[in-house]
């Protein structure tokens, strides 16, 4: 049993897109046994490019059902089937993203008509859906609309089945259902990781954390670990069976979260930013240095990026101003920044230049009193040099908003 699908997205940021058009044909190998098609209200903008490509406008989807209203129907029509699509990775990712927002893990075996067409129709001039079906005499009405593309994909799939005298389609389904290869492991573990900043946790089959860290791009870092040829990640490659993550808007928040959970991560900061007579420079931090660096960095490149930022801000041209901005001594303040999600903020309570607690609050919440802060705060010891340095980096990059600490 197969469910042939096509999805159109709103053209949003990668891994944050939303479905605006969906069509599914349930096919038993002989005939269509069920079908479903609908516009979807993405509750987001549709990019001009997508509007031109699909002809779908914001006005058209304004009164369309939202995905959560269609989710049950999608599950019903695809249950017990193999999901088939032309570039199925896109359609499958879009479905998983939408279901994940609803707290549901959507998993199904998939089949892509592109590699099948390349094997069974090896001399085609193009394997794009429009050009391929035209060359085969398959009608395509409403190109780049889910209903038209899904029906053309179904007709293409029927042709591929008829040409599949060596049963490659059945064999591919069997191999996918029983796949235990390393490449499949990488795909399964990384396919839903976003390309955003956050804490990443590699865990074994018992749930034990094998490795955790703050990374700039979760998806890219995980793939780098699994594709590494070095010895550093060999154990992770072998023993990781699950990956979890938490989005964090900044390295400061990530380091505080790790420390409060007892996750130890000592960082080497061999480079420093030094104030010279008429300028700033980045160099190695040596025990013999008489002057303490204003900031420390884990790499020379990170230091150069900070130096470039300083030079691009005219406010730091005034001698001594940067040092004053980064000075934490005696400061008792309430800092805030973006939190773990789009609708959340993080706060940090400073006393005498050290963060003594942090926590989270919604946009509509006002931390107007110490009592409200205490109800949400997570105590923390931020006296370690790594966190102190991260606080200064946050000040430099203006990642935090600063206000007076409520007295009562």
Protein backbone atom coordinates (compact mmCIF):
# COMPACT_ATOMS: atom_id res chain seq x y z
CA UNK A 1 0.00 0.00 0.00
CA UNK A 2 1.35 3.42 -0.97
CA UNK A 3 0.48 7.03 -0.18
CA UNK A 4 1.67 9.32 -2.97
CA UNK A 5 2.19 12.83 -1.63
CA UNK A 6 3.07 16.33 -2.72
CA UNK A 7 3.49 19.36 -0.48
CA UNK A 8 4.02 23.04 -1.17
CA UNK A 9 5.72 25.13 1.52
CA UNK A 10 5.50 28.84 2.26
CA UNK A 11 9.18 29.43 1.45
CA UNK A 12 10.13 30.28 5.03
CA UNK A 13 13.50 29.85 6.68
CA UNK A 14 14.93 26.33 6.42
CA UNK A 15 13.38 23.96 8.99
CA UNK A 16 10.92 26.69 9.97
CA UNK A 17 8.74 26.46 6.84
CA UNK A 18 5.05 25.67 6.97
CA UNK A 19 2.80 23.70 4.62
CA UNK A 20 0.41 25.74 2.45
CA UNK A 21 -0.84 22.98 0.11
CA UNK A 22 -1.00 19.20 0.52
CA UNK A 23 -2.36 16.31 -1.53
CA UNK A 24 -2.21 12.55 -0.89
CA UNK A 25 -3.39 9.64 -3.04
CA UNK A 26 -3.65 6.25 -1.38
CA UNK A 27 -2.79 3.56 -3.93
CA UNK A 28 -2.92 -0.21 -3.43
CA UNK A 29 -0.81 -1.08 -6.46
CA UNK A 30 -3.86 -1.35 -8.71
CA UNK A 31 -6.17 1.58 -8.02
CA UNK A 32 -6.68 4.70 -5.93
CA UNK A 33 -8.48 3.71 -2.73
CA UNK A 34 -8.54 7.11 -1.00
CA UNK A 35 -7.48 10.69 -1.66
CA UNK A 36 -7.12 13.95 0.17
CA UNK A 37 -6.22 17.49 -0.89
CA UNK A 38 -6.34 20.85 0.87
CA UNK A 39 -4.84 24.29 1.12
CA UNK A 40 -3.37 24.93 4.56
CA UNK A 41 -3.23 28.15 6.58
CA UNK A 42 0.48 28.43 7.52
CA UNK A 43 -0.10 31.25 10.01
CA UNK A 44 3.03 32.77 8.45
CA UNK A 45 3.85 34.86 5.41
CA UNK A 46 4.16 33.26 1.98
CA UNK A 47 7.25 34.50 0.18
CA UNK A 48 6.75 36.38 -3.10
CA UNK A 49 8.72 33.67 -4.93
CA UNK A 50 6.37 30.93 -3.72
CA UNK A 51 3.33 33.05 -4.58
CA UNK A 52 4.60 33.44 -8.15
CA UNK A 53 5.57 29.76 -8.43
CA UNK A 54 2.37 28.22 -7.03
CA UNK A 55 -0.19 30.95 -7.54
CA UNK A 56 -1.15 30.55 -3.87
CA UNK A 57 -1.71 33.91 -2.18
CA UNK A 58 -2.16 34.84 1.50
CA UNK A 59 -5.82 35.59 0.75
CA UNK A 60 -6.36 32.03 -0.55
CA UNK A 61 -5.09 30.39 2.66
CA UNK A 62 -6.58 32.86 5.13
CA UNK A 63 -9.72 30.77 5.65
CA UNK A 64 -8.07 27.38 4.93
CA UNK A 65 -7.76 24.87 7.80
CA UNK A 66 -4.63 24.99 9.92
CA UNK A 67 -2.42 21.91 9.90
CA UNK A 68 -3.58 20.71 13.31
CA UNK A 69 -7.10 20.49 11.88
CA UNK A 70 -5.85 18.20 9.09
CA UNK A 71 -3.32 16.15 11.07
CA UNK A 72 -5.67 13.29 11.95
CA UNK A 73 -6.70 12.88 8.30
CA UNK A 74 -3.02 12.77 7.22
CA UNK A 75 -2.30 10.04 9.77
CA UNK A 76 -5.35 8.02 8.72
CA UNK A 77 -4.63 8.08 4.99
CA UNK A 78 -0.89 7.30 5.35
CA UNK A 79 -1.09 4.70 8.14
CA UNK A 80 0.29 1.32 7.10
CA UNK A 81 1.63 2.67 3.78
CA UNK A 82 4.93 3.63 2.20
CA UNK A 83 5.09 7.38 1.56
CA UNK A 84 6.01 8.06 -2.07
CA UNK A 85 7.09 11.39 -3.53
CA UNK A 86 9.27 13.08 -6.14
CA UNK A 87 12.10 14.28 -3.86
CA UNK A 88 10.38 12.67 -0.90
CA UNK A 89 12.95 14.00 1.59
CA UNK A 90 11.35 17.46 1.31
CA UNK A 91 7.76 16.26 1.78
CA UNK A 92 8.70 13.94 4.64
CA UNK A 93 10.67 16.68 6.42
CA UNK A 94 7.77 19.11 6.10
CA UNK A 95 5.38 16.56 7.61
CA UNK A 96 7.72 15.73 10.49
CA UNK A 97 8.18 19.43 11.26
CA UNK A 98 4.43 20.09 11.35
CA UNK A 99 3.71 17.05 13.49
CA UNK A 100 6.59 17.86 15.82
CA UNK A 101 5.03 21.26 16.51
CA UNK A 102 1.97 19.33 17.66
CA UNK A 103 4.06 17.09 19.92
CA UNK A 104 3.65 14.04 17.69
CA UNK A 105 6.47 11.97 16.17
CA UNK A 106 5.48 11.14 12.60
CA UNK A 107 7.48 8.20 11.25
CA UNK A 108 6.91 6.23 8.06
CA UNK A 109 8.89 4.36 5.40
CA UNK A 110 9.50 6.44 2.29
CA UNK A 111 10.21 5.90 -1.41
CA UNK A 112 11.62 8.51 -3.79
CA UNK A 113 10.61 8.40 -7.46
CA UNK A 114 13.70 10.36 -8.58
CA UNK A 115 16.37 7.64 -8.02
CA UNK A 116 13.88 5.01 -9.23
CA UNK A 117 13.33 6.97 -12.45
CA UNK A 118 17.08 7.31 -12.93
CA UNK A 119 17.44 3.52 -12.73
CA UNK A 120 14.39 2.56 -14.77
CA UNK A 121 14.40 5.44 -17.30
CA UNK A 122 18.15 6.04 -17.61
CA UNK A 123 18.08 8.13 -20.80
CA UNK A 124 15.67 10.87 -19.70
CA UNK A 125 16.92 14.40 -20.44
CA UNK A 126 15.70 15.70 -17.06
CA UNK A 127 14.37 14.19 -13.86
CA UNK A 128 12.48 17.25 -12.65
CA UNK A 129 8.84 16.26 -12.30
CA UNK A 130 7.49 18.65 -14.93
CA UNK A 131 9.99 17.80 -17.66
CA UNK A 132 10.06 14.07 -16.90
CA UNK A 133 6.29 13.49 -17.02
CA UNK A 134 5.99 15.64 -20.16
CA UNK A 135 8.60 13.47 -21.90
CA UNK A 136 6.60 10.39 -20.90
CA UNK A 137 3.27 11.77 -22.07
CA UNK A 138 1.87 12.00 -18.54
CA UNK A 139 -0.49 14.97 -18.12
CA UNK A 140 0.38 17.54 -15.46
CA UNK A 141 -2.40 19.95 -14.63
CA UNK A 142 -1.67 22.78 -12.19
CA UNK A 143 2.11 22.39 -11.93
CA UNK A 144 3.51 23.40 -8.53
CA UNK A 145 0.16 22.80 -6.88
CA UNK A 146 -0.03 19.81 -4.56
CA UNK A 147 -3.02 18.18 -6.25
CA UNK A 148 -1.57 18.36 -9.77
CA UNK A 149 1.95 17.33 -8.80
CA UNK A 150 0.75 14.45 -6.59
CA UNK A 151 -1.44 13.05 -9.38
CA UNK A 152 1.43 13.29 -11.89
CA UNK A 153 3.73 11.57 -9.38
CA UNK A 154 1.16 8.78 -8.99
CA UNK A 155 0.99 8.25 -12.76
CA UNK A 156 4.80 8.27 -12.92
CA UNK A 157 4.93 5.73 -10.08
CA UNK A 158 2.51 3.44 -11.92
CA UNK A 159 4.80 3.55 -14.96
CA UNK A 160 7.85 2.82 -12.83
CA UNK A 161 6.12 -0.19 -11.27
CA UNK A 162 5.29 -1.56 -14.72
CA UNK A 163 8.91 -1.12 -15.84
CA UNK A 164 10.31 -2.63 -12.64
CA UNK A 165 10.74 -6.18 -13.97
CA UNK A 166 13.60 -6.82 -11.54
CA UNK A 167 11.45 -5.77 -8.55
CA UNK A 168 13.78 -2.94 -7.48
CA UNK A 169 10.90 -1.06 -5.84
CA UNK A 170 9.96 -4.01 -3.64
CA UNK A 171 13.63 -4.64 -2.85
CA UNK A 172 14.18 -0.99 -1.89
CA UNK A 173 11.18 -1.12 0.45
CA UNK A 174 12.54 -4.26 2.08
CA UNK A 175 16.01 -2.77 2.46
CA UNK A 176 14.63 0.40 4.00
CA UNK A 177 12.47 -1.52 6.47
CA UNK A 178 15.51 -3.54 7.56
CA UNK A 179 18.18 -0.87 7.14
CA UNK A 180 20.83 -0.84 9.84
CA UNK A 181 23.62 0.81 7.90
CA UNK A 182 25.74 3.64 9.33
CA UNK A 183 24.39 6.11 6.74
CA UNK A 184 20.83 5.32 7.79
CA UNK A 185 21.85 5.82 11.41
CA UNK A 186 23.24 9.28 10.59
CA UNK A 187 20.10 10.23 8.67
CA UNK A 188 17.76 9.01 11.39
CA UNK A 189 19.62 10.81 14.18
CA UNK A 190 20.21 14.12 12.41
CA UNK A 191 17.25 14.63 10.06
CA UNK A 192 15.14 16.58 12.57
CA UNK A 193 17.90 18.66 14.14
CA UNK A 194 17.44 22.38 13.38
CA UNK A 195 20.16 24.62 11.98
CA UNK A 196 20.13 26.82 15.08
CA UNK A 197 22.20 27.51 18.17
CA UNK A 198 21.67 25.23 21.12
CA UNK A 199 22.76 22.58 23.57
CA UNK A 200 23.22 19.16 22.00
CA UNK A 201 23.18 15.86 23.90
CA UNK A 202 24.51 12.60 22.42
CA UNK A 203 23.05 9.67 24.39
CA UNK A 204 23.43 5.89 24.40
CA UNK A 205 20.62 3.32 24.40
CA UNK A 206 20.16 3.71 28.17
CA UNK A 207 19.81 7.48 27.90
CA UNK A 208 23.22 8.20 29.45
CA UNK A 209 24.74 11.43 28.15
CA UNK A 210 27.94 10.60 26.28
CA UNK A 211 28.71 14.15 25.19
CA UNK A 212 27.11 17.57 25.43
CA UNK A 213 28.07 21.05 24.32
CA UNK A 214 26.81 24.38 23.08
CA UNK A 215 27.08 24.63 19.28
CA UNK A 216 26.28 27.31 16.71
CA UNK A 217 24.46 24.94 14.32
CA UNK A 218 22.96 21.77 15.81
CA UNK A 219 22.39 19.92 12.53
CA UNK A 220 25.79 20.81 11.05
CA UNK A 221 27.66 19.85 14.23
CA UNK A 222 25.94 16.46 14.56
CA UNK A 223 26.71 15.58 10.94
CA UNK A 224 30.31 16.68 11.43
CA UNK A 225 30.63 14.32 14.42
CA UNK A 226 29.29 11.32 12.50
CA UNK A 227 31.32 12.06 9.36
CA UNK A 228 34.58 12.70 11.22
CA UNK A 229 37.49 10.39 10.37
CA UNK A 230 39.45 11.24 13.52
CA UNK A 231 39.62 9.35 16.81
CA UNK A 232 38.02 12.14 18.85
CA UNK A 233 34.45 11.19 17.95
CA UNK A 234 34.93 7.44 17.28
CA UNK A 235 33.23 6.41 20.53
CA UNK A 236 30.26 8.75 19.89
CA UNK A 237 29.84 7.36 16.39
CA UNK A 238 29.67 3.84 17.77
CA UNK A 239 27.55 4.26 20.89
CA UNK A 240 25.13 7.14 20.16
CA UNK A 241 21.56 5.91 19.66
CA UNK A 242 19.68 9.15 20.28
CA UNK A 243 20.30 12.89 20.13
CA UNK A 244 18.39 15.54 22.06
CA UNK A 245 18.77 19.30 21.97
CA UNK A 246 17.62 22.51 23.60
CA UNK A 247 17.60 25.79 21.72
CA UNK A 248 19.48 28.60 23.42
CA UNK A 249 19.90 32.10 22.02
CA UNK A 250 23.35 32.62 23.49
CA UNK A 251 26.44 30.85 24.74
CA UNK A 252 25.99 32.51 28.16
CA UNK A 253 22.57 30.93 28.66
CA UNK A 254 23.86 27.56 27.43
CA UNK A 255 26.81 27.54 29.82
CA UNK A 256 24.61 28.49 32.79
CA UNK A 257 22.14 25.71 31.92
CA UNK A 258 24.95 23.16 31.67
CA UNK A 259 26.50 24.24 34.96
CA UNK A 260 23.20 24.17 36.86
CA UNK A 261 22.65 20.60 35.61
CA UNK A 262 26.06 19.43 36.72
CA UNK A 263 27.41 19.04 33.18
CA UNK A 264 31.10 19.86 33.44
CA UNK A 265 32.75 21.36 30.40
CA UNK A 266 36.12 23.01 31.03
CA UNK A 267 37.07 25.26 28.17
CA UNK A 268 40.51 26.29 27.02
CA UNK A 269 40.78 30.03 26.33
CA UNK A 270 44.34 30.50 25.07
CA UNK A 271 43.83 33.80 23.24
CA UNK A 272 43.08 37.23 24.63
CA UNK A 273 42.11 40.76 23.66
CA UNK A 274 44.65 43.27 24.92
CA UNK A 275 44.41 47.06 25.11
CA UNK A 276 47.53 48.68 23.79
CA UNK A 277 48.52 52.37 23.68
CA UNK A 278 46.36 53.37 20.73
CA UNK A 279 44.63 50.16 19.71
CA UNK A 280 43.47 46.67 20.61
CA UNK A 281 45.08 43.42 19.51
CA UNK A 282 44.53 39.68 19.84
CA UNK A 283 47.32 37.39 20.99
CA UNK A 284 48.14 34.36 23.07
CA UNK A 285 47.61 34.63 26.81
CA UNK A 286 50.92 33.92 28.55
CA UNK A 287 51.64 33.40 32.22
CA UNK A 288 54.30 36.08 31.96
CA UNK A 289 51.83 38.74 30.74
CA UNK A 290 51.75 41.74 33.07
CA UNK A 291 48.52 42.99 31.56
CA UNK A 292 45.36 40.91 31.92
CA UNK A 293 43.33 40.50 28.74
CA UNK A 294 39.98 42.29 28.53
CA UNK A 295 38.46 39.15 27.00
CA UNK A 296 39.54 35.58 26.31
CA UNK A 297 38.79 33.37 23.31
CA UNK A 298 38.96 29.67 22.47
CA UNK A 299 40.45 30.42 19.04
CA UNK A 300 42.38 33.16 17.30
CA UNK A 301 39.56 33.42 14.72
CA UNK A 302 37.00 34.10 17.45
CA UNK A 303 39.27 36.85 18.76
CA UNK A 304 39.59 38.43 15.31
CA UNK A 305 35.80 38.47 14.93
CA UNK A 306 35.49 40.31 18.24
CA UNK A 307 38.24 42.73 17.19
CA UNK A 308 36.45 43.43 13.90
CA UNK A 309 33.23 44.12 15.81
CA UNK A 310 35.03 46.56 18.12
CA UNK A 311 36.60 48.43 15.20
CA UNK A 312 33.21 48.71 13.47
CA UNK A 313 31.66 50.43 16.51
CA UNK A 314 32.67 54.07 16.82
CA UNK A 315 31.70 54.15 20.51
CA UNK A 316 34.75 52.04 21.37
CA UNK A 317 37.19 54.48 19.77
CA UNK A 318 37.15 56.52 22.96
CA UNK A 319 40.05 55.31 25.06
CA UNK A 320 39.07 53.25 28.08
CA UNK A 321 35.39 52.96 27.12
CA UNK A 322 35.55 49.27 26.17
CA UNK A 323 37.20 48.45 29.48
CA UNK A 324 34.46 50.35 31.28
CA UNK A 325 31.70 48.51 29.38
CA UNK A 326 33.21 45.11 30.21
CA UNK A 327 33.92 45.88 33.86
CA UNK A 328 31.73 43.63 36.04
CA UNK A 329 33.08 44.66 39.44
CA UNK A 330 30.39 45.67 41.93
CA UNK A 331 27.53 45.49 39.40
CA UNK A 332 24.14 44.45 40.74
CA UNK A 333 21.65 44.38 37.86
CA UNK A 334 18.89 42.46 36.14
CA UNK A 335 19.91 41.25 32.70
CA UNK A 336 17.58 39.75 30.13
CA UNK A 337 17.97 38.16 26.70
CA UNK A 338 16.22 35.86 24.26
CA UNK A 339 15.42 32.48 25.80
CA UNK A 340 15.06 28.94 24.44
CA UNK A 341 12.07 29.58 22.19
CA UNK A 342 10.67 32.49 20.19
CA UNK A 343 8.06 33.35 22.82
CA UNK A 344 10.38 33.22 25.83
CA UNK A 345 12.96 35.47 27.49
CA UNK A 346 15.78 34.57 29.86
CA UNK A 347 16.79 36.66 32.88
CA UNK A 348 20.00 36.83 34.92
CA UNK A 349 20.34 38.26 38.41
CA UNK A 350 23.73 39.90 39.06
CA UNK A 351 25.06 40.67 42.51
CA UNK A 352 28.54 42.17 42.90
CA UNK A 353 29.45 41.32 39.33
CA UNK A 354 28.42 37.66 39.42
CA UNK A 355 25.27 35.92 38.21
CA UNK A 356 23.66 34.32 41.24
CA UNK A 357 20.58 33.00 39.45
CA UNK A 358 18.87 32.81 36.07
CA UNK A 359 15.47 31.77 34.78
CA UNK A 360 12.84 32.14 32.09
CA UNK A 361 9.66 34.14 31.56
CA UNK A 362 7.09 34.74 28.82
CA UNK A 363 6.93 37.98 26.85
CA UNK A 364 3.75 39.10 28.59
CA UNK A 365 5.30 38.66 32.05
CA UNK A 366 6.89 41.63 33.85
CA UNK A 367 9.55 40.92 36.50
CA UNK A 368 8.61 43.94 38.56
CA UNK A 369 9.55 42.57 41.98
CA UNK A 370 12.14 40.34 43.63
CA UNK A 371 9.32 38.02 44.66
CA UNK A 372 8.38 37.33 41.03
CA UNK A 373 12.03 36.75 40.23
CA UNK A 374 12.45 34.30 43.13
CA UNK A 375 9.49 32.23 41.92
CA UNK A 376 11.25 31.61 38.63
CA UNK A 377 14.96 31.74 39.39
CA UNK A 378 17.45 28.87 39.24
CA UNK A 379 20.39 29.41 41.64
CA UNK A 380 23.83 29.25 40.02
CA UNK A 381 27.47 29.72 40.96
CA UNK A 382 28.94 31.77 38.11
CA UNK A 383 32.30 32.47 39.69
CA UNK A 384 34.25 30.31 37.21
CA UNK A 385 36.37 32.25 34.73
CA UNK A 386 34.65 30.74 31.68
CA UNK A 387 31.24 32.14 32.68
CA UNK A 388 32.69 35.47 33.76
CA UNK A 389 34.31 35.74 30.34
CA UNK A 390 31.05 34.77 28.61
CA UNK A 391 29.26 37.53 30.52
CA UNK A 392 31.74 40.05 29.12
CA UNK A 393 31.31 38.65 25.59
CA UNK A 394 27.54 39.07 25.97
CA UNK A 395 28.07 42.69 26.97
CA UNK A 396 30.37 43.27 24.01
CA UNK A 397 27.89 41.73 21.52
CA UNK A 398 24.96 43.51 23.20
CA UNK A 399 23.11 40.22 23.65
CA UNK A 400 21.67 41.32 26.99
CA UNK A 401 19.34 44.10 28.05
CA UNK A 402 20.27 45.74 31.35
CA UNK A 403 18.01 47.29 33.96
CA UNK A 404 18.04 48.03 37.65
CA UNK A 405 17.49 45.12 40.00
CA UNK A 406 14.16 45.49 41.83
CA UNK A 407 14.77 46.30 45.49
CA UNK A 408 11.71 44.51 46.81
